[in-house]
């Protein structure tokens, strides 16, 4: 495992994110051989880095409520919502919610998955910011957008910590304002 010093900090955010970028750890062969996993755990554990990431994620859009994607999107999204005085809605993996409003199945870079929206969580017309940790192939992000839109809310965009640009995730939501703090 190595600490990553090769991430590019987005020009859309402050340079004080350089500390956070340097804390992203590279873990080879996880979750399967041939995959280079970028672990943001050290960023979350560092008080200054975590604060700067949360601040930057919330500064890029105007929104009424934050939707976070399980699991790290929960941590980041809830922090962004708290910092901006808004509500938070968590999109969950199947079988975790007692009452489900809707479900979307999607493909990942190494498998398939599904997300579910809790019933009565979003209000028609609300401006929703989607928050997650990593943009890879874009399947998870596109599924989140579908759930928000199907609920009648307005998905104003997404804020993510890290983009794996070689996987082309932005192509799944070409007409959506997607902002990332770091790109590799």
C-alpha atoms as a PDB file:
ATOM      1  CA  UNK A   1       0.000   0.000   0.000  1.00  0.00           C
ATOM      2  CA  UNK A   2       1.252   3.456  -0.862  1.00  0.00           C
ATOM      3  CA  UNK A   3       0.036   6.971  -0.290  1.00  0.00           C
ATOM      4  CA  UNK A   4      -0.967   8.586  -3.540  1.00  0.00           C
ATOM      5  CA  UNK A   5       0.836  11.756  -4.612  1.00  0.00           C
ATOM      6  CA  UNK A   6      -0.191  11.554  -8.289  1.00  0.00           C
ATOM      7  CA  UNK A   7      -3.824  12.694  -8.011  1.00  0.00           C
ATOM      8  CA  UNK A   8      -4.775  15.857  -9.840  1.00  0.00           C
ATOM      9  CA  UNK A   9      -6.734  18.353  -7.768  1.00  0.00           C
ATOM     10  CA  UNK A  10      -9.691  19.766  -9.694  1.00  0.00           C
ATOM     11  CA  UNK A  11      -9.327  23.358 -10.835  1.00  0.00           C
ATOM     12  CA  UNK A  12     -12.879  23.931  -9.554  1.00  0.00           C
ATOM     13  CA  UNK A  13     -11.828  23.694  -5.896  1.00  0.00           C
ATOM     14  CA  UNK A  14      -9.269  25.160  -3.514  1.00  0.00           C
ATOM     15  CA  UNK A  15      -5.628  24.231  -3.521  1.00  0.00           C
ATOM     16  CA  UNK A  16      -5.878  23.348   0.211  1.00  0.00           C
ATOM     17  CA  UNK A  17      -7.123  19.950  -0.954  1.00  0.00           C
ATOM     18  CA  UNK A  18      -3.540  18.997  -1.769  1.00  0.00           C
ATOM     19  CA  UNK A  19      -3.137  17.517   1.714  1.00  0.00           C
ATOM     20  CA  UNK A  20      -6.211  15.342   1.208  1.00  0.00           C
ATOM     21  CA  UNK A  21      -5.026  14.194  -2.220  1.00  0.00           C
ATOM     22  CA  UNK A  22      -1.741  13.055  -0.726  1.00  0.00           C
ATOM     23  CA  UNK A  23      -3.591  10.885   1.794  1.00  0.00           C
ATOM     24  CA  UNK A  24      -5.487   8.778  -0.753  1.00  0.00           C
ATOM     25  CA  UNK A  25      -3.927   5.333  -0.436  1.00  0.00           C
ATOM     26  CA  UNK A  26      -3.373   2.937  -3.353  1.00  0.00           C
ATOM     27  CA  UNK A  27      -4.119  -0.720  -2.603  1.00  0.00           C
ATOM     28  CA  UNK A  28      -3.147  -3.140  -5.405  1.00  0.00           C
ATOM     29  CA  UNK A  29      -5.258  -6.218  -6.202  1.00  0.00           C
ATOM     30  CA  UNK A  30      -8.312  -5.153  -4.211  1.00  0.00           C
ATOM     31  CA  UNK A  31     -11.147  -6.164  -4.328  1.00  0.00           C
ATOM     32  CA  UNK A  32      -9.808  -8.587  -6.932  1.00  0.00           C
ATOM     33  CA  UNK A  33      -6.514  -9.203  -8.768  1.00  0.00           C
ATOM     34  CA  UNK A  34      -5.628  -6.496 -11.283  1.00  0.00           C
ATOM     35  CA  UNK A  35      -7.676  -3.736  -9.627  1.00  0.00           C
ATOM     36  CA  UNK A  36      -5.836  -0.775  -8.077  1.00  0.00           C
ATOM     37  CA  UNK A  37      -8.148   0.421  -5.302  1.00  0.00           C
ATOM     38  CA  UNK A  38      -7.982   4.063  -4.188  1.00  0.00           C
ATOM     39  CA  UNK A  39      -8.747   4.160  -0.467  1.00  0.00           C
ATOM     40  CA  UNK A  40     -10.023   7.474   0.925  1.00  0.00           C
ATOM     41  CA  UNK A  41     -10.069   6.098   4.491  1.00  0.00           C
ATOM     42  CA  UNK A  42      -6.950   8.065   5.473  1.00  0.00           C
ATOM     43  CA  UNK A  43      -8.613  11.250   4.191  1.00  0.00           C
ATOM     44  CA  UNK A  44     -11.638  10.622   6.405  1.00  0.00           C
ATOM     45  CA  UNK A  45      -9.389   9.957   9.415  1.00  0.00           C
ATOM     46  CA  UNK A  46      -7.466  13.219   9.045  1.00  0.00           C
ATOM     47  CA  UNK A  47      -9.339  16.139  10.633  1.00  0.00           C
ATOM     48  CA  UNK A  48      -8.022  18.850   8.293  1.00  0.00           C
ATOM     49  CA  UNK A  49      -8.294  16.770   5.125  1.00  0.00           C
ATOM     50  CA  UNK A  50     -11.816  15.590   5.970  1.00  0.00           C
ATOM     51  CA  UNK A  51     -12.964  19.135   6.718  1.00  0.00           C
ATOM     52  CA  UNK A  52     -11.562  20.485   3.433  1.00  0.00           C
ATOM     53  CA  UNK A  53     -13.142  17.640   1.418  1.00  0.00           C
ATOM     54  CA  UNK A  54     -16.581  18.099   3.003  1.00  0.00           C
ATOM     55  CA  UNK A  55     -16.387  21.857   2.490  1.00  0.00           C
ATOM     56  CA  UNK A  56     -15.400  21.479  -1.171  1.00  0.00           C
ATOM     57  CA  UNK A  57     -18.087  18.869  -1.917  1.00  0.00           C
ATOM     58  CA  UNK A  58     -20.830  21.189  -0.704  1.00  0.00           C
ATOM     59  CA  UNK A  59     -19.546  24.405  -2.277  1.00  0.00           C
ATOM     60  CA  UNK A  60     -20.073  23.391  -5.876  1.00  0.00           C
ATOM     61  CA  UNK A  61     -23.886  23.301  -6.088  1.00  0.00           C
ATOM     62  CA  UNK A  62     -27.038  24.901  -4.686  1.00  0.00           C
ATOM     63  CA  UNK A  63     -29.281  22.238  -3.113  1.00  0.00           C
ATOM     64  CA  UNK A  64     -32.120  21.548  -0.673  1.00  0.00           C
ATOM     65  CA  UNK A  65     -31.212  17.994   0.316  1.00  0.00           C
ATOM     66  CA  UNK A  66     -28.236  15.648  -0.053  1.00  0.00           C
ATOM     67  CA  UNK A  67     -28.547  12.086  -1.303  1.00  0.00           C
ATOM     68  CA  UNK A  68     -25.623   9.864  -0.348  1.00  0.00           C
ATOM     69  CA  UNK A  69     -24.840   6.493  -1.867  1.00  0.00           C
ATOM     70  CA  UNK A  70     -24.080   3.548   0.421  1.00  0.00           C
ATOM     71  CA  UNK A  71     -21.575   3.299   2.013  1.00  0.00           C
ATOM     72  CA  UNK A  72     -18.966   6.075   1.884  1.00  0.00           C
ATOM     73  CA  UNK A  73     -21.460   8.427   0.277  1.00  0.00           C
ATOM     74  CA  UNK A  74     -23.343   8.171   3.590  1.00  0.00           C
ATOM     75  CA  UNK A  75     -20.366   9.487   5.537  1.00  0.00           C
ATOM     76  CA  UNK A  76     -19.571  12.258   3.093  1.00  0.00           C
ATOM     77  CA  UNK A  77     -23.154  13.175   2.221  1.00  0.00           C
ATOM     78  CA  UNK A  78     -24.319  13.366   5.834  1.00  0.00           C
ATOM     79  CA  UNK A  79     -21.369  15.620   6.660  1.00  0.00           C
ATOM     80  CA  UNK A  80     -22.151  17.894   3.681  1.00  0.00           C
ATOM     81  CA  UNK A  81     -25.838  18.031   4.651  1.00  0.00           C
ATOM     82  CA  UNK A  82     -24.975  18.906   8.240  1.00  0.00           C
ATOM     83  CA  UNK A  83     -22.520  21.608   7.165  1.00  0.00           C
ATOM     84  CA  UNK A  84     -25.182  23.203   4.944  1.00  0.00           C
ATOM     85  CA  UNK A  85     -28.175  22.751   7.239  1.00  0.00           C
ATOM     86  CA  UNK A  86     -30.063  20.448   4.874  1.00  0.00           C
ATOM     87  CA  UNK A  87     -31.570  17.003   5.170  1.00  0.00           C
ATOM     88  CA  UNK A  88     -29.909  13.776   4.103  1.00  0.00           C
ATOM     89  CA  UNK A  89     -31.294  10.710   2.292  1.00  0.00           C
ATOM     90  CA  UNK A  90     -29.306   7.501   1.980  1.00  0.00           C
ATOM     91  CA  UNK A  91     -29.625   5.276  -1.077  1.00  0.00           C
ATOM     92  CA  UNK A  92     -29.260   1.708   0.153  1.00  0.00           C
ATOM     93  CA  UNK A  93     -28.323  -1.685  -1.153  1.00  0.00           C
ATOM     94  CA  UNK A  94     -31.257  -4.117  -1.458  1.00  0.00           C
ATOM     95  CA  UNK A  95     -32.648  -5.615   1.724  1.00  0.00           C
ATOM     96  CA  UNK A  96     -31.608  -2.741   4.022  1.00  0.00           C
ATOM     97  CA  UNK A  97     -34.753  -0.566   3.957  1.00  0.00           C
ATOM     98  CA  UNK A  98     -38.057  -1.357   5.667  1.00  0.00           C
ATOM     99  CA  UNK A  99     -40.075   0.594   3.058  1.00  0.00           C
ATOM    100  CA  UNK A 100     -38.787   1.074  -0.495  1.00  0.00           C
ATOM    101  CA  UNK A 101     -40.043   3.723  -2.906  1.00  0.00           C
ATOM    102  CA  UNK A 102     -38.074   2.511  -5.929  1.00  0.00           C
ATOM    103  CA  UNK A 103     -35.142   0.358  -7.056  1.00  0.00           C
ATOM    104  CA  UNK A 104     -32.623   0.589  -9.911  1.00  0.00           C
ATOM    105  CA  UNK A 105     -30.281  -2.225 -11.002  1.00  0.00           C
ATOM    106  CA  UNK A 106     -26.974  -1.270 -12.663  1.00  0.00           C
ATOM    107  CA  UNK A 107     -23.546  -2.542 -13.729  1.00  0.00           C
ATOM    108  CA  UNK A 108     -20.279  -1.914 -11.870  1.00  0.00           C
ATOM    109  CA  UNK A 109     -16.731  -2.107 -13.192  1.00  0.00           C
ATOM    110  CA  UNK A 110     -16.500  -5.661 -11.792  1.00  0.00           C
ATOM    111  CA  UNK A 111     -20.073  -6.876 -11.215  1.00  0.00           C
ATOM    112  CA  UNK A 112     -23.668  -5.766 -10.833  1.00  0.00           C
ATOM    113  CA  UNK A 113     -25.572  -4.048  -8.038  1.00  0.00           C
ATOM    114  CA  UNK A 114     -28.795  -2.252  -7.150  1.00  0.00           C
ATOM    115  CA  UNK A 115     -29.788   0.836  -5.184  1.00  0.00           C
ATOM    116  CA  UNK A 116     -33.043   1.515  -3.389  1.00  0.00           C
ATOM    117  CA  UNK A 117     -34.644   4.794  -2.371  1.00  0.00           C
ATOM    118  CA  UNK A 118     -36.493   4.921   0.954  1.00  0.00           C
ATOM    119  CA  UNK A 119     -40.214   5.671   0.718  1.00  0.00           C
ATOM    120  CA  UNK A 120     -41.299   9.266   1.390  1.00  0.00           C
ATOM    121  CA  UNK A 121     -37.693  10.483   1.563  1.00  0.00           C
ATOM    122  CA  UNK A 122     -37.703  13.025  -1.275  1.00  0.00           C
ATOM    123  CA  UNK A 123     -40.265  15.708  -2.056  1.00  0.00           C
ATOM    124  CA  UNK A 124     -41.212  16.583  -5.631  1.00  0.00           C
ATOM    125  CA  UNK A 125     -39.339  19.683  -6.728  1.00  0.00           C
ATOM    126  CA  UNK A 126     -36.550  19.455  -4.151  1.00  0.00           C
ATOM    127  CA  UNK A 127     -33.107  20.266  -5.498  1.00  0.00           C
ATOM    128  CA  UNK A 128     -30.936  17.257  -4.761  1.00  0.00           C
ATOM    129  CA  UNK A 129     -27.154  17.024  -4.614  1.00  0.00           C
ATOM    130  CA  UNK A 130     -25.872  13.455  -4.994  1.00  0.00           C
ATOM    131  CA  UNK A 131     -22.665  12.759  -3.036  1.00  0.00           C
ATOM    132  CA  UNK A 132     -20.390   9.730  -3.298  1.00  0.00           C
ATOM    133  CA  UNK A 133     -16.741   8.823  -2.941  1.00  0.00           C
ATOM    134  CA  UNK A 134     -15.649   7.540  -6.367  1.00  0.00           C
ATOM    135  CA  UNK A 135     -16.773   7.962  -9.981  1.00  0.00           C
ATOM    136  CA  UNK A 136     -15.626   4.864 -11.877  1.00  0.00           C
ATOM    137  CA  UNK A 137     -17.807   3.475 -14.681  1.00  0.00           C
ATOM    138  CA  UNK A 138     -20.718   5.724 -13.681  1.00  0.00           C
ATOM    139  CA  UNK A 139     -23.301   3.005 -13.126  1.00  0.00           C
ATOM    140  CA  UNK A 140     -23.869   3.867  -9.483  1.00  0.00           C
ATOM    141  CA  UNK A 141     -24.131   7.582 -10.232  1.00  0.00           C
ATOM    142  CA  UNK A 142     -26.587   7.035 -13.096  1.00  0.00           C
ATOM    143  CA  UNK A 143     -28.713   4.773 -10.868  1.00  0.00           C
ATOM    144  CA  UNK A 144     -28.784   7.428  -8.138  1.00  0.00           C
ATOM    145  CA  UNK A 145     -29.877  10.051 -10.632  1.00  0.00           C
ATOM    146  CA  UNK A 146     -32.649   7.783 -11.917  1.00  0.00           C
ATOM    147  CA  UNK A 147     -33.976   7.258  -8.392  1.00  0.00           C
ATOM    148  CA  UNK A 148     -33.948  10.987  -7.617  1.00  0.00           C
ATOM    149  CA  UNK A 149     -35.665  11.870 -10.904  1.00  0.00           C
ATOM    150  CA  UNK A 150     -38.278   9.109 -10.562  1.00  0.00           C
ATOM    151  CA  UNK A 151     -39.190  10.534  -7.145  1.00  0.00           C
ATOM    152  CA  UNK A 152     -40.019  13.872  -8.806  1.00  0.00           C
ATOM    153  CA  UNK A 153     -37.087  15.712  -7.251  1.00  0.00           C
ATOM    154  CA  UNK A 154     -34.570  17.655  -9.331  1.00  0.00           C
ATOM    155  CA  UNK A 155     -31.085  16.162  -9.439  1.00  0.00           C
ATOM    156  CA  UNK A 156     -28.977  19.321  -9.723  1.00  0.00           C
ATOM    157  CA  UNK A 157     -25.724  17.418  -9.949  1.00  0.00           C
ATOM    158  CA  UNK A 158     -23.208  15.310  -8.149  1.00  0.00           C
ATOM    159  CA  UNK A 159     -20.114  15.929  -6.058  1.00  0.00           C
ATOM    160  CA  UNK A 160     -17.574  13.164  -5.694  1.00  0.00           C
ATOM    161  CA  UNK A 161     -14.166  12.910  -4.102  1.00  0.00           C
ATOM    162  CA  UNK A 162     -12.301  10.911  -6.740  1.00  0.00           C
ATOM    163  CA  UNK A 163     -12.742  10.250 -10.462  1.00  0.00           C
ATOM    164  CA  UNK A 164     -11.076   7.312 -12.216  1.00  0.00           C
ATOM    165  CA  UNK A 165     -11.086   9.051 -15.586  1.00  0.00           C
ATOM    166  CA  UNK A 166      -9.856   6.060 -17.611  1.00  0.00           C
ATOM    167  CA  UNK A 167     -13.145   4.256 -16.847  1.00  0.00           C
ATOM    168  CA  UNK A 168     -15.251   6.986 -18.495  1.00  0.00           C
ATOM    169  CA  UNK A 169     -17.963   7.306 -15.866  1.00  0.00           C
ATOM    170  CA  UNK A 170     -19.006  10.784 -17.006  1.00  0.00           C
ATOM    171  CA  UNK A 171     -20.378   9.289 -20.223  1.00  0.00           C
ATOM    172  CA  UNK A 172     -23.255   7.735 -18.257  1.00  0.00           C
ATOM    173  CA  UNK A 173     -24.579  11.189 -17.299  1.00  0.00           C
ATOM    174  CA  UNK A 174     -23.333  13.511 -20.071  1.00  0.00           C
ATOM    175  CA  UNK A 175     -25.947  16.217 -19.469  1.00  0.00           C
ATOM    176  CA  UNK A 176     -25.481  16.380 -15.705  1.00  0.00           C
ATOM    177  CA  UNK A 177     -23.203  18.638 -13.651  1.00  0.00           C
ATOM    178  CA  UNK A 178     -20.729  16.167 -12.160  1.00  0.00           C
ATOM    179  CA  UNK A 179     -17.833  17.594 -10.166  1.00  0.00           C
ATOM    180  CA  UNK A 180     -14.960  15.716  -8.632  1.00  0.00           C
ATOM    181  CA  UNK A 181     -12.281  16.940  -6.280  1.00  0.00           C
ATOM    182  CA  UNK A 182      -9.482  14.671  -7.525  1.00  0.00           C
ATOM    183  CA  UNK A 183      -8.859  12.877 -10.809  1.00  0.00           C
ATOM    184  CA  UNK A 184      -6.581   9.989 -11.592  1.00  0.00           C
END
